[in-house]
C-alpha cells in the first residue's frame, strides 16, 4: 500500500543537487525529497507520497491523521519491515492462501 502520510520536517539539506529533508512520521524518520515544495521550513508538516513532499499540512490535521493511522495499524504497515510483515501475514489463518 502506498499512502500519503503527514510528517514534520526536522532538517533540510541539498544532496547531489536535490533538496531533501529528514521528516518525522510519528517517531519514524525518513529522508524525503522537497523538490515539489522547496520553500518548506523546518517544523512545518508536509504530506509525503512515495518519498516526495507533495503539500503542506497544518499541525492539527497532521497529528489527527497520524493518530488515526497508528490506531488502524497503517503506520506499522507503511513503515515496518516489509519482509517481517509479509511473514507475519502469511502465518495468520486469514493470511493463508493470499
Protein backbone atom coordinates (compact mmCIF):
# COMPACT_ATOMS: atom_id res chain seq x y z
CA UNK A 1 0.00 0.00 0.00
CA UNK A 2 1.31 3.47 -0.77
CA UNK A 3 -0.31 6.14 1.36
CA UNK A 4 0.25 9.86 1.51
CA UNK A 5 1.42 10.29 5.11
CA UNK A 6 1.88 13.54 7.05
CA UNK A 7 5.19 14.23 8.73
CA UNK A 8 7.12 17.05 10.40
CA UNK A 9 10.22 18.45 8.71
CA UNK A 10 13.21 18.12 11.06
CA UNK A 11 16.02 19.34 8.81
CA UNK A 12 16.76 20.16 5.19
CA UNK A 13 19.87 19.78 3.05
CA UNK A 14 20.89 19.68 -0.57
CA UNK A 15 22.01 16.21 -1.59
CA UNK A 16 23.59 15.82 -5.03
CA UNK A 17 21.74 18.93 -6.22
CA UNK A 18 18.35 17.84 -4.84
CA UNK A 19 16.65 19.48 -1.87
CA UNK A 20 15.95 16.79 0.74
CA UNK A 21 14.61 16.70 4.30
CA UNK A 22 14.60 14.45 7.32
CA UNK A 23 10.90 14.04 8.16
CA UNK A 24 9.39 12.56 11.32
CA UNK A 25 6.27 10.43 10.85
CA UNK A 26 5.14 9.90 14.42
CA UNK A 27 8.51 8.55 15.53
CA UNK A 28 9.70 7.07 12.24
CA UNK A 29 12.23 9.24 10.40
CA UNK A 30 12.71 9.10 6.66
CA UNK A 31 14.55 11.09 4.01
CA UNK A 32 12.11 12.92 1.74
CA UNK A 33 12.52 14.91 -1.48
CA UNK A 34 11.36 18.55 -1.27
CA UNK A 35 11.56 19.43 -4.97
CA UNK A 36 7.78 19.97 -5.25
CA UNK A 37 7.67 22.40 -2.29
CA UNK A 38 11.22 23.76 -1.96
CA UNK A 39 10.26 26.68 0.30
CA UNK A 40 9.08 24.44 3.16
CA UNK A 41 10.68 25.28 6.50
CA UNK A 42 11.85 23.24 9.46
CA UNK A 43 8.94 22.48 11.79
CA UNK A 44 6.28 22.55 9.08
CA UNK A 45 4.17 19.50 8.34
CA UNK A 46 4.07 18.04 4.86
CA UNK A 47 2.15 15.25 3.18
CA UNK A 48 4.58 12.69 1.72
CA UNK A 49 3.80 10.22 -1.04
CA UNK A 50 6.39 7.74 -2.36
CA UNK A 51 9.24 9.77 -0.90
CA UNK A 52 8.13 13.20 -2.16
CA UNK A 53 6.63 16.00 -0.07
CA UNK A 54 3.58 16.98 -2.12
CA UNK A 55 1.83 19.60 0.03
CA UNK A 56 1.86 21.41 3.37
CA UNK A 57 -0.50 20.45 6.17
CA UNK A 58 -1.43 22.19 9.40
CA UNK A 59 -0.17 20.58 12.62
CA UNK A 60 -3.58 19.57 13.98
CA UNK A 61 -4.60 17.79 10.78
CA UNK A 62 -1.22 16.07 10.63
CA UNK A 63 -1.43 14.88 14.25
CA UNK A 64 -5.04 13.70 13.85
CA UNK A 65 -4.15 11.76 10.69
CA UNK A 66 -1.06 10.18 12.28
CA UNK A 67 -3.10 9.17 15.35
CA UNK A 68 -5.77 7.57 13.16
CA UNK A 69 -3.17 5.76 11.04
CA UNK A 70 -1.46 4.47 14.21
CA UNK A 71 -4.77 3.31 15.69
CA UNK A 72 -5.57 1.42 12.49
CA UNK A 73 -2.08 -0.11 12.28
CA UNK A 74 -1.39 1.64 9.00
CA UNK A 75 1.88 3.25 10.12
CA UNK A 76 3.37 -0.11 11.05
CA UNK A 77 2.27 -1.49 7.68
CA UNK A 78 3.60 1.51 5.75
CA UNK A 79 6.91 1.92 7.59
CA UNK A 80 7.56 -1.53 9.04
CA UNK A 81 9.88 -4.14 7.67
CA UNK A 82 8.08 -5.44 4.59
CA UNK A 83 9.59 -8.93 4.83
CA UNK A 84 8.69 -9.23 8.52
CA UNK A 85 5.13 -8.05 7.87
CA UNK A 86 4.72 -10.45 4.95
CA UNK A 87 5.93 -13.36 7.08
CA UNK A 88 3.53 -12.46 9.90
CA UNK A 89 0.66 -12.10 7.44
CA UNK A 90 1.41 -15.49 5.88
CA UNK A 91 1.48 -17.14 9.32
CA UNK A 92 -2.01 -15.99 10.26
CA UNK A 93 -5.07 -18.05 9.18
CA UNK A 94 -6.61 -15.04 7.40
CA UNK A 95 -3.32 -14.53 5.50
CA UNK A 96 -3.22 -18.11 4.23
CA UNK A 97 -3.68 -18.54 0.52
CA UNK A 98 -3.10 -14.89 -0.35
